[in-house]
């Protein structure tokens, strides 16, 4: 665990979002970091798909990037099969 320095405006945004969503400021920041990390790793996924990955990960014991990498490929593979490209 470490300290991450962020700008005052971003901290204020975190404070507002955390209160609105009943999370601590740290939990809100971690949520945004997970969403952003997964969005960068899997740009083909939309926000809803990323949230589904996070829920599935939680059901299966927590965030594991290796496992999530495999899951993120599954929707794309299914789309290719439906489109006749498999």
C-alpha atoms as a PDB file:
ATOM      1  CA  UNK A   1       0.000   0.000   0.000  1.00  0.00           C
ATOM      2  CA  UNK A   2       1.218   3.468  -0.751  1.00  0.00           C
ATOM      3  CA  UNK A   3       0.259   7.082  -1.047  1.00  0.00           C
ATOM      4  CA  UNK A   4      -0.885   8.469  -4.370  1.00  0.00           C
ATOM      5  CA  UNK A   5      -0.871  12.229  -4.821  1.00  0.00           C
ATOM      6  CA  UNK A   6      -3.717  13.624  -6.891  1.00  0.00           C
ATOM      7  CA  UNK A   7      -4.840  17.124  -7.774  1.00  0.00           C
ATOM      8  CA  UNK A   8      -7.208  19.024  -5.527  1.00  0.00           C
ATOM      9  CA  UNK A   9      -9.965  19.128  -8.184  1.00  0.00           C
ATOM     10  CA  UNK A  10      -9.786  15.342  -8.652  1.00  0.00           C
ATOM     11  CA  UNK A  11      -9.854  14.833  -4.889  1.00  0.00           C
ATOM     12  CA  UNK A  12     -12.983  16.992  -4.686  1.00  0.00           C
ATOM     13  CA  UNK A  13     -14.585  14.900  -7.452  1.00  0.00           C
ATOM     14  CA  UNK A  14     -13.695  11.768  -5.490  1.00  0.00           C
ATOM     15  CA  UNK A  15     -15.217  13.229  -2.340  1.00  0.00           C
ATOM     16  CA  UNK A  16     -18.488  14.091  -4.092  1.00  0.00           C
ATOM     17  CA  UNK A  17     -18.731  10.731  -5.894  1.00  0.00           C
ATOM     18  CA  UNK A  18     -17.872   8.780  -2.764  1.00  0.00           C
ATOM     19  CA  UNK A  19     -20.609  10.494  -0.772  1.00  0.00           C
ATOM     20  CA  UNK A  20     -23.155  10.049  -3.547  1.00  0.00           C
ATOM     21  CA  UNK A  21     -22.326   6.353  -3.934  1.00  0.00           C
ATOM     22  CA  UNK A  22     -21.895   5.579  -0.206  1.00  0.00           C
ATOM     23  CA  UNK A  23     -18.221   4.668  -0.569  1.00  0.00           C
ATOM     24  CA  UNK A  24     -15.138   5.903   1.200  1.00  0.00           C
ATOM     25  CA  UNK A  25     -12.921   8.236  -0.806  1.00  0.00           C
ATOM     26  CA  UNK A  26     -10.310   5.458  -1.052  1.00  0.00           C
ATOM     27  CA  UNK A  27     -12.919   2.907  -2.210  1.00  0.00           C
ATOM     28  CA  UNK A  28     -14.174   5.332  -4.871  1.00  0.00           C
ATOM     29  CA  UNK A  29     -10.628   5.990  -6.099  1.00  0.00           C
ATOM     30  CA  UNK A  30      -9.923   2.252  -6.238  1.00  0.00           C
ATOM     31  CA  UNK A  31     -13.154   1.675  -8.171  1.00  0.00           C
ATOM     32  CA  UNK A  32     -12.222   4.318 -10.733  1.00  0.00           C
ATOM     33  CA  UNK A  33      -8.704   2.872 -11.025  1.00  0.00           C
ATOM     34  CA  UNK A  34     -10.060  -0.631 -11.671  1.00  0.00           C
ATOM     35  CA  UNK A  35     -12.467   0.653 -14.325  1.00  0.00           C
ATOM     36  CA  UNK A  36      -9.715   2.696 -15.971  1.00  0.00           C
ATOM     37  CA  UNK A  37      -7.164  -0.116 -15.841  1.00  0.00           C
ATOM     38  CA  UNK A  38      -9.582  -2.584 -17.425  1.00  0.00           C
ATOM     39  CA  UNK A  39     -10.666  -0.017 -20.029  1.00  0.00           C
ATOM     40  CA  UNK A  40      -7.039   0.436 -21.070  1.00  0.00           C
ATOM     41  CA  UNK A  41      -6.357  -3.308 -21.113  1.00  0.00           C
ATOM     42  CA  UNK A  42      -9.565  -4.105 -23.009  1.00  0.00           C
ATOM     43  CA  UNK A  43     -10.614  -1.110 -25.132  1.00  0.00           C
ATOM     44  CA  UNK A  44     -13.155  -3.259 -26.975  1.00  0.00           C
ATOM     45  CA  UNK A  45     -15.304  -3.497 -23.820  1.00  0.00           C
ATOM     46  CA  UNK A  46     -17.835  -0.872 -22.810  1.00  0.00           C
ATOM     47  CA  UNK A  47     -18.442   0.300 -19.248  1.00  0.00           C
ATOM     48  CA  UNK A  48     -21.259  -2.179 -18.678  1.00  0.00           C
ATOM     49  CA  UNK A  49     -19.087  -5.106 -19.794  1.00  0.00           C
ATOM     50  CA  UNK A  50     -16.256  -3.959 -17.541  1.00  0.00           C
ATOM     51  CA  UNK A  51     -18.642  -3.775 -14.575  1.00  0.00           C
ATOM     52  CA  UNK A  52     -19.861  -7.288 -15.386  1.00  0.00           C
ATOM     53  CA  UNK A  53     -16.234  -8.484 -15.342  1.00  0.00           C
ATOM     54  CA  UNK A  54     -15.693  -6.887 -11.938  1.00  0.00           C
ATOM     55  CA  UNK A  55     -18.836  -8.515 -10.535  1.00  0.00           C
ATOM     56  CA  UNK A  56     -17.837 -11.901 -11.918  1.00  0.00           C
ATOM     57  CA  UNK A  57     -14.334 -11.485 -10.491  1.00  0.00           C
ATOM     58  CA  UNK A  58     -15.760 -10.712  -7.066  1.00  0.00           C
ATOM     59  CA  UNK A  59     -17.993 -13.793  -7.222  1.00  0.00           C
ATOM     60  CA  UNK A  60     -14.935 -15.895  -8.049  1.00  0.00           C
ATOM     61  CA  UNK A  61     -12.663 -14.646  -5.291  1.00  0.00           C
ATOM     62  CA  UNK A  62     -11.500 -11.177  -6.270  1.00  0.00           C
ATOM     63  CA  UNK A  63      -9.758  -9.283  -9.043  1.00  0.00           C
ATOM     64  CA  UNK A  64      -7.164 -11.445 -10.823  1.00  0.00           C
ATOM     65  CA  UNK A  65      -5.844  -9.786 -13.989  1.00  0.00           C
ATOM     66  CA  UNK A  66      -4.751 -13.067 -15.577  1.00  0.00           C
ATOM     67  CA  UNK A  67      -8.223 -14.563 -15.198  1.00  0.00           C
ATOM     68  CA  UNK A  68      -9.936 -11.337 -16.302  1.00  0.00           C
ATOM     69  CA  UNK A  69      -7.792 -11.242 -19.430  1.00  0.00           C
ATOM     70  CA  UNK A  70      -9.256 -14.577 -20.468  1.00  0.00           C
ATOM     71  CA  UNK A  71     -12.812 -13.523 -19.622  1.00  0.00           C
ATOM     72  CA  UNK A  72     -12.505 -10.320 -21.617  1.00  0.00           C
ATOM     73  CA  UNK A  73     -11.727 -12.323 -24.742  1.00  0.00           C
ATOM     74  CA  UNK A  74     -14.883 -14.434 -24.391  1.00  0.00           C
ATOM     75  CA  UNK A  75     -17.428 -11.747 -25.489  1.00  0.00           C
ATOM     76  CA  UNK A  76     -15.315 -10.942 -28.551  1.00  0.00           C
ATOM     77  CA  UNK A  77     -15.006 -14.623 -29.466  1.00  0.00           C
ATOM     78  CA  UNK A  78     -18.777 -15.109 -29.088  1.00  0.00           C
ATOM     79  CA  UNK A  79     -19.418 -12.105 -31.335  1.00  0.00           C
ATOM     80  CA  UNK A  80     -17.140 -13.571 -33.995  1.00  0.00           C
ATOM     81  CA  UNK A  81     -19.012 -16.893 -33.864  1.00  0.00           C
ATOM     82  CA  UNK A  82     -22.379 -15.135 -34.210  1.00  0.00           C
ATOM     83  CA  UNK A  83     -21.030 -13.124 -37.120  1.00  0.00           C
ATOM     84  CA  UNK A  84     -19.811 -16.276 -38.873  1.00  0.00           C
ATOM     85  CA  UNK A  85     -16.132 -15.424 -38.528  1.00  0.00           C
ATOM     86  CA  UNK A  86     -15.059 -18.253 -36.213  1.00  0.00           C
END
